[in-house]
Amino acid sequence: MWGRKPKSQDPAEAVPPSPLKEAVHQARVEAAERTSVVVDLRDAEWARLALLDEALDPLFVEIPSDVDLFDRGLTRGETPRLWIDAVAHVAMGRDTRLYRFLHDTRVGRHVLAESHEIPDMVQAITTYIARRLVERQRALDEDPGFIQRVTKRAAERERRRRRWRALGAFLFGFLLGLVSLFAAAVLIATYYR
């Protein structure tokens, strides 16, 4: 009715798929199978990291509530990670059973501990946290009035100021982009006259 030809109902007239089409189909099936294996491996890594995360619960309960150095959390992604703080995390090794406790520094990433066992990793993370707490205490001992000088109100004011700066930078970039698009449109319009 609308210009389409009716499909042939005779299966004998059907064209057999070419060898290339069959090979492409087979390659797609194999790629889907590999992808599912990779997803299964990532899920297994994430599950092992979740077990370590549960084993760390008693340790994080002992950290004083006024210490906000540590921000523990599990992340998915290409490489699942258990974050201890902003610069230290646990990832799985190449064999997916090896826990690797890594620390990012200005000069690169350092391996703090490697183990197949959860208790060994808990001990390594406990040592790391203890060292960070000692560093924090030393910094506060050098300037004992620091906590009194920086009140919650001052910290909140600083956070608000940072938000306004970020919003201002976003708006400036947005306006700059609009002006650039307008200028490009004017140039293109004058060029094609």
Protein backbone atom coordinates (compact mmCIF):
# COMPACT_ATOMS: atom_id res chain seq x y z
CA MET A 1 0.00 0.00 0.00
CA TRP A 2 2.74 2.47 0.89
CA GLY A 3 5.28 1.24 -1.59
CA ARG A 4 6.48 -1.84 0.24
CA LYS A 5 6.73 -5.08 -1.56
CA PRO A 6 5.04 -8.00 0.13
CA LYS A 7 7.45 -10.49 1.65
CA SER A 8 7.83 -13.76 -0.07
CA GLN A 9 6.23 -16.59 1.82
CA ASP A 10 8.29 -19.27 0.09
CA PRO A 11 11.23 -20.38 2.29
CA ALA A 12 13.03 -21.76 -0.77
CA GLU A 13 13.48 -18.19 -2.03
CA ALA A 14 15.18 -17.07 1.21
CA VAL A 15 18.81 -16.15 0.68
CA PRO A 16 21.20 -18.14 2.87
CA PRO A 17 23.37 -15.95 5.13
CA SER A 18 26.84 -15.27 3.83
CA PRO A 19 29.88 -16.73 5.58
CA LEU A 20 30.86 -13.25 6.71
CA LYS A 21 27.46 -12.63 8.30
CA GLU A 22 27.70 -15.98 10.09
CA ALA A 23 31.21 -15.14 11.31
CA VAL A 24 30.08 -11.70 12.55
CA HIS A 25 27.15 -13.31 14.35
CA GLN A 26 29.46 -15.86 15.97
CA ALA A 27 31.91 -13.11 16.98
CA ARG A 28 29.06 -11.17 18.63
CA VAL A 29 27.98 -14.25 20.57
CA GLU A 30 31.56 -14.83 21.76
CA ALA A 31 31.94 -11.17 22.77
CA ALA A 32 28.70 -11.34 24.77
CA GLU A 33 29.96 -14.46 26.55
CA ARG A 34 33.29 -12.78 27.38
CA THR A 35 31.46 -9.71 28.64
CA SER A 36 29.34 -11.81 30.96
CA VAL A 37 32.48 -13.52 32.29
CA VAL A 38 34.08 -10.11 32.94
CA VAL A 39 30.94 -8.91 34.71
CA ASP A 40 30.92 -12.09 36.81
CA LEU A 41 34.58 -11.49 37.75
CA ARG A 42 33.85 -7.89 38.75
CA ASP A 43 30.89 -9.04 40.82
CA ALA A 44 33.09 -11.62 42.52
CA GLU A 45 35.74 -8.97 43.26
CA TRP A 46 33.09 -6.62 44.62
CA ALA A 47 31.68 -9.42 46.81
CA ARG A 48 35.15 -10.16 48.26
CA LEU A 49 35.66 -6.45 48.96
CA ALA A 50 32.23 -6.38 50.64
CA LEU A 51 33.39 -9.19 52.95
CA LEU A 52 36.47 -7.16 53.87
CA ASP A 53 34.26 -4.11 54.41
CA GLU A 54 32.12 -6.06 56.88
CA ALA A 55 35.26 -7.25 58.68
CA LEU A 56 36.31 -3.60 59.09
CA ASP A 57 33.08 -2.57 60.85
CA PRO A 58 34.42 -3.09 64.40
CA LEU A 59 37.54 -1.05 63.57
CA PHE A 60 35.58 1.93 62.23
CA VAL A 61 33.26 1.87 65.25
CA GLU A 62 36.30 2.56 67.47
CA ILE A 63 37.34 5.70 65.57
CA PRO A 64 36.31 8.81 67.55
CA SER A 65 33.28 10.60 66.11
CA ASP A 66 35.10 13.96 65.91
CA VAL A 67 37.71 12.51 63.52
CA ASP A 68 36.61 12.90 59.92
CA LEU A 69 39.75 11.64 58.20
CA PHE A 70 38.24 8.41 56.95
CA ASP A 71 35.49 7.97 54.39
CA ARG A 72 35.02 4.27 53.85
CA GLY A 73 32.97 3.08 50.90
CA LEU A 74 32.72 0.48 48.16
CA THR A 75 32.72 1.59 44.54
CA ARG A 76 31.87 -0.40 41.48
CA GLY A 77 33.36 0.27 38.11
CA GLU A 78 36.06 -1.15 35.91
CA THR A 79 38.06 -1.81 39.06
CA PRO A 80 35.93 -2.30 42.19
CA ARG A 81 37.54 -0.63 45.22
CA LEU A 82 37.05 -0.36 48.95
CA TRP A 83 38.05 3.17 49.91
CA ILE A 84 39.47 3.73 53.37
CA ASP A 85 40.05 7.46 52.92
CA ALA A 86 40.68 9.82 50.02
CA VAL A 87 44.13 8.42 49.25
CA ALA A 88 44.03 4.78 50.36
CA HIS A 89 41.95 1.93 48.99
CA VAL A 90 41.85 -1.83 48.67
CA ALA A 91 41.57 -3.42 45.24
CA MET A 92 41.79 -6.99 44.10
CA GLY A 93 44.96 -8.31 42.49
CA ARG A 94 45.22 -9.94 39.10
CA ASP A 95 44.27 -13.38 40.42
CA THR A 96 41.06 -11.89 41.97
CA ARG A 97 41.78 -13.53 45.35
CA LEU A 98 44.63 -11.24 46.37
CA TYR A 99 43.71 -8.13 48.34
CA ARG A 100 45.99 -5.15 47.59
CA PHE A 101 46.01 -2.19 49.99
CA LEU A 102 47.19 0.82 47.96
CA HIS A 103 48.14 4.36 48.93
CA ASP A 104 48.22 7.18 46.37
CA THR A 105 50.90 9.83 46.87
CA ARG A 106 52.31 12.71 44.85
CA VAL A 107 55.05 10.46 43.52
CA GLY A 108 52.86 7.51 42.62
CA ARG A 109 50.95 4.60 44.09
CA HIS A 110 52.47 2.47 46.83
CA VAL A 111 51.40 -1.00 47.90
CA LEU A 112 51.01 -0.97 51.68
CA ALA A 113 49.97 -4.62 51.99
CA GLU A 114 49.02 -7.66 49.95
CA SER A 115 47.33 -10.76 51.24
CA HIS A 116 44.87 -13.49 50.38
CA GLU A 117 43.48 -13.41 53.93
CA ILE A 118 40.97 -10.94 55.35
CA PRO A 119 42.48 -10.86 58.88
CA ASP A 120 45.86 -9.83 57.45
CA MET A 121 44.24 -6.99 55.52
CA VAL A 122 42.28 -5.89 58.59
CA GLN A 123 45.56 -5.72 60.51
CA ALA A 124 47.26 -3.68 57.75
CA ILE A 125 44.33 -1.26 57.57
CA THR A 126 44.30 -1.00 61.38
CA THR A 127 47.97 -0.05 61.33
CA TYR A 128 47.34 2.54 58.60
CA ILE A 129 44.45 4.10 60.52
CA ALA A 130 46.51 4.21 63.72
CA ARG A 131 49.32 6.02 61.90
CA ARG A 132 46.88 8.53 60.43
CA LEU A 133 45.38 9.19 63.86
CA VAL A 134 48.85 9.76 65.33
CA GLU A 135 49.71 12.17 62.48
CA ARG A 136 46.49 14.06 63.14
CA GLN A 137 47.19 14.27 66.87
CA ARG A 138 50.73 15.56 66.24
CA ALA A 139 49.41 18.24 63.89
CA LEU A 140 46.88 19.33 66.50
CA ASP A 141 49.54 19.31 69.25
CA GLU A 142 51.68 21.70 67.21
CA ASP A 143 48.79 24.19 67.11
CA PRO A 144 46.46 23.42 70.02
CA GLY A 145 44.20 26.42 69.40
CA PHE A 146 43.39 25.35 65.85
CA ILE A 147 40.17 23.55 66.71
CA GLN A 148 38.96 26.47 68.83
CA ARG A 149 39.77 28.98 66.07
CA VAL A 150 37.94 27.03 63.41
CA THR A 151 34.40 26.79 64.67
CA LYS A 152 31.58 24.95 62.99
CA ARG A 153 30.15 28.29 61.90
CA ALA A 154 33.42 29.27 60.21
CA ALA A 155 33.67 25.88 58.52
CA GLU A 156 30.09 26.18 57.26
CA ARG A 157 30.77 29.71 56.00
CA GLU A 158 33.79 28.43 54.09
CA ARG A 159 31.73 25.62 52.58
CA ARG A 160 29.05 28.10 51.49
CA ARG A 161 31.67 30.37 49.95
CA ARG A 162 33.13 27.46 48.00
CA ARG A 163 29.68 26.53 46.69
CA TRP A 164 29.05 30.09 45.51
CA ARG A 165 32.46 30.17 43.82
CA ALA A 166 31.70 26.91 42.04
CA LEU A 167 28.30 28.20 40.95
CA GLY A 168 29.91 31.44 39.72
CA ALA A 169 32.53 29.53 37.76
CA PHE A 170 29.82 27.37 36.20
CA LEU A 171 27.72 30.39 35.20
CA PHE A 172 30.78 32.18 33.81
CA GLY A 173 31.64 29.13 31.71
CA PHE A 174 28.04 28.80 30.55
CA LEU A 175 27.88 32.44 29.48
CA LEU A 176 31.27 32.20 27.80
CA GLY A 177 30.01 29.17 25.88
CA LEU A 178 26.86 31.02 24.78
CA VAL A 179 28.88 34.01 23.61
CA SER A 180 31.24 31.68 21.73
CA LEU A 181 28.34 29.92 20.02
CA PHE A 182 26.77 33.25 19.08
CA ALA A 183 30.09 34.52 17.68
CA ALA A 184 30.56 31.29 15.72
CA ALA A 185 27.03 31.56 14.31
CA VAL A 186 27.65 35.18 13.24
CA LEU A 187 30.95 34.23 11.59
CA ILE A 188 29.41 31.32 9.75
CA ALA A 189 26.45 33.45 8.62
CA THR A 190 28.74 36.18 7.26
CA TYR A 191 30.99 33.62 5.56
CA TYR A 192 28.14 31.97 3.63
CA ARG A 193 26.48 35.20 2.38
